């Protein structure tokens, strides 16, 4: 990406300028080698720190992803559990409705039987009164 490339170019330029400043006015090749080794060691430290920062941020990102995946898994289990309970509640509600309907039919049948009993009792009473 452009921002990363620009940042990398700036870092390279900075380290290049540091190398030139360090080597400027070196009295001997041995001294230039020692100075160059110091600059390269500093560069190595900087690169390692950058790598550690990147690895730490990557691990933090992975931990966040894992945490979110775990949360998603828990929430999905909860949703499935609630959906199952809703299905059971709907089934119970359907049972209640059918039981209410059966109760009404039963009450109606009971009323009819009671009415028939009342009629039979009247007929029986009339018959007994007329015989007696």
Protein backbone atom coordinates (compact mmCIF):
# COMPACT_ATOMS: atom_id res chain seq x y z
CA UNK A 1 0.00 0.00 0.00
CA UNK A 2 1.15 3.58 -0.64
CA UNK A 3 1.41 4.62 3.03
CA UNK A 4 3.52 1.54 3.87
CA UNK A 5 5.77 2.10 0.87
CA UNK A 6 6.24 5.76 1.79
CA UNK A 7 7.02 4.85 5.40
CA UNK A 8 9.52 2.20 4.27
CA UNK A 9 11.20 4.63 1.85
CA UNK A 10 11.48 7.20 4.63
CA UNK A 11 13.05 4.66 6.99
CA UNK A 12 15.53 3.54 4.33
CA UNK A 13 16.48 7.13 3.61
CA UNK A 14 16.97 7.80 7.32
CA UNK A 15 19.23 4.78 7.77
CA UNK A 16 21.15 5.64 4.56
CA UNK A 17 21.76 9.18 5.84
CA UNK A 18 22.86 7.78 9.22
CA UNK A 19 25.38 5.53 7.45
CA UNK A 20 26.75 8.42 5.38
CA UNK A 21 27.10 10.68 8.47
CA UNK A 22 28.81 7.92 10.42
CA UNK A 23 31.27 7.15 7.62
CA UNK A 24 31.97 10.81 6.78
CA UNK A 25 35.51 11.77 7.69
CA UNK A 26 36.64 8.24 8.63
CA UNK A 27 40.45 8.21 9.01
CA UNK A 28 40.83 4.57 7.94
CA UNK A 29 39.08 1.62 6.39
CA UNK A 30 39.19 -0.23 9.74
CA UNK A 31 37.42 2.68 11.48
CA UNK A 32 34.84 2.84 8.65
CA UNK A 33 34.21 -0.90 9.08
CA UNK A 34 33.68 -0.49 12.86
CA UNK A 35 31.33 2.49 12.35
CA UNK A 36 29.43 0.64 9.64
CA UNK A 37 29.07 -2.39 11.94
CA UNK A 38 27.62 -0.12 14.70
CA UNK A 39 25.08 1.40 12.31
CA UNK A 40 24.11 -2.03 10.99
CA UNK A 41 23.72 -3.34 14.58
CA UNK A 42 21.43 -0.39 15.37
CA UNK A 43 19.53 -1.11 12.16
CA UNK A 44 19.18 -4.77 13.19
CA UNK A 45 17.79 -3.74 16.60
CA UNK A 46 15.29 -1.43 14.90
CA UNK A 47 14.19 -4.18 12.49
CA UNK A 48 13.79 -6.71 15.34
CA UNK A 49 11.71 -4.25 17.36
CA UNK A 50 9.51 -3.55 14.36
CA UNK A 51 9.11 -7.30 13.78
CA UNK A 52 8.16 -7.82 17.45
CA UNK A 53 5.64 -4.98 17.31
CA UNK A 54 4.12 -6.46 14.17
CA UNK A 55 4.03 -9.96 15.69
CA UNK A 56 2.46 -8.62 18.90
CA UNK A 57 -0.22 -6.75 16.98
CA UNK A 58 -0.82 -9.85 14.84
CA UNK A 59 -1.16 -12.04 17.95
CA UNK A 60 -3.50 -9.48 19.50
CA UNK A 61 -5.55 -9.61 16.34
CA UNK A 62 -5.60 -13.41 16.43
CA UNK A 63 -6.62 -13.35 20.10
CA UNK A 64 -9.40 -10.93 19.23
CA UNK A 65 -10.53 -13.13 16.35
CA UNK A 66 -10.44 -16.22 18.59
CA UNK A 67 -12.34 -14.37 21.30
CA UNK A 68 -14.95 -13.24 18.79
CA UNK A 69 -15.23 -16.75 17.37
CA UNK A 70 -15.77 -18.14 20.87
CA UNK A 71 -18.37 -15.46 21.59
CA UNK A 72 -20.11 -16.27 18.30
CA UNK A 73 -20.12 -19.98 19.18
CA UNK A 74 -21.63 -19.30 22.62
CA UNK A 75 -24.24 -16.94 21.18
CA UNK A 76 -25.18 -19.41 18.44
CA UNK A 77 -25.66 -22.14 21.07
CA UNK A 78 -27.85 -19.77 23.08
CA UNK A 79 -29.89 -18.85 19.99
CA UNK A 80 -30.35 -22.53 19.09
CA UNK A 81 -31.38 -23.32 22.67
CA UNK A 82 -33.90 -20.47 22.69
CA UNK A 83 -35.24 -21.52 19.29
CA UNK A 84 -35.75 -25.06 20.62
CA UNK A 85 -37.58 -23.69 23.67
CA UNK A 86 -39.77 -21.54 21.39
CA UNK A 87 -40.64 -24.61 19.29
CA UNK A 88 -41.52 -26.51 22.47
CA UNK A 89 -43.62 -23.60 23.75
CA UNK A 90 -45.44 -23.40 20.39
CA UNK A 91 -46.06 -27.14 20.50
CA UNK A 92 -47.43 -26.79 24.05
CA UNK A 93 -49.61 -23.88 22.93
CA UNK A 94 -50.95 -26.01 20.09
CA UNK A 95 -51.62 -28.79 22.62
CA UNK A 96 -53.42 -26.33 24.87
CA UNK A 97 -55.61 -25.17 21.98
CA UNK A 98 -56.52 -28.72 21.00
CA UNK A 99 -57.17 -29.63 24.65
CA UNK A 100 -59.46 -26.60 25.01
CA UNK A 101 -61.34 -27.70 21.92
CA UNK A 102 -61.69 -31.25 23.28
CA UNK A 103 -62.86 -29.86 26.64
CA UNK A 104 -65.56 -27.80 24.91
CA UNK A 105 -66.70 -30.87 22.96
CA UNK A 106 -66.78 -32.87 26.16
CA UNK A 107 -68.78 -30.20 27.98
CA UNK A 108 -71.24 -30.06 25.09
CA UNK A 109 -71.59 -33.84 25.16
CA UNK A 110 -72.12 -33.68 28.93
CA UNK A 111 -74.87 -31.06 28.48
CA UNK A 112 -76.61 -33.26 25.90
CA UNK A 113 -76.39 -36.31 28.16
CA UNK A 114 -77.71 -34.26 31.10
CA UNK A 115 -80.58 -32.99 28.95
CA UNK A 116 -81.43 -36.55 27.87
CA UNK A 117 -81.30 -37.70 31.49
CA UNK A 118 -83.64 -34.88 32.50
CA UNK A 119 -86.07 -35.85 29.72
CA UNK A 120 -85.91 -39.52 30.70
CA UNK A 121 -86.54 -38.63 34.35
CA UNK A 122 -89.58 -36.53 33.32
CA UNK A 123 -90.93 -39.37 31.18
CA UNK A 124 -90.28 -41.85 33.95
CA UNK A 125 -92.04 -39.63 36.50
CA UNK A 126 -95.02 -39.13 34.17
CA UNK A 127 -95.23 -42.85 33.57
CA UNK A 128 -95.01 -43.67 37.26
CA UNK A 129 -97.56 -40.98 38.15
CA UNK A 130 -100.01 -42.34 35.58
CA UNK A 131 -99.58 -45.90 36.80
CA UNK A 132 -99.92 -45.16 40.42
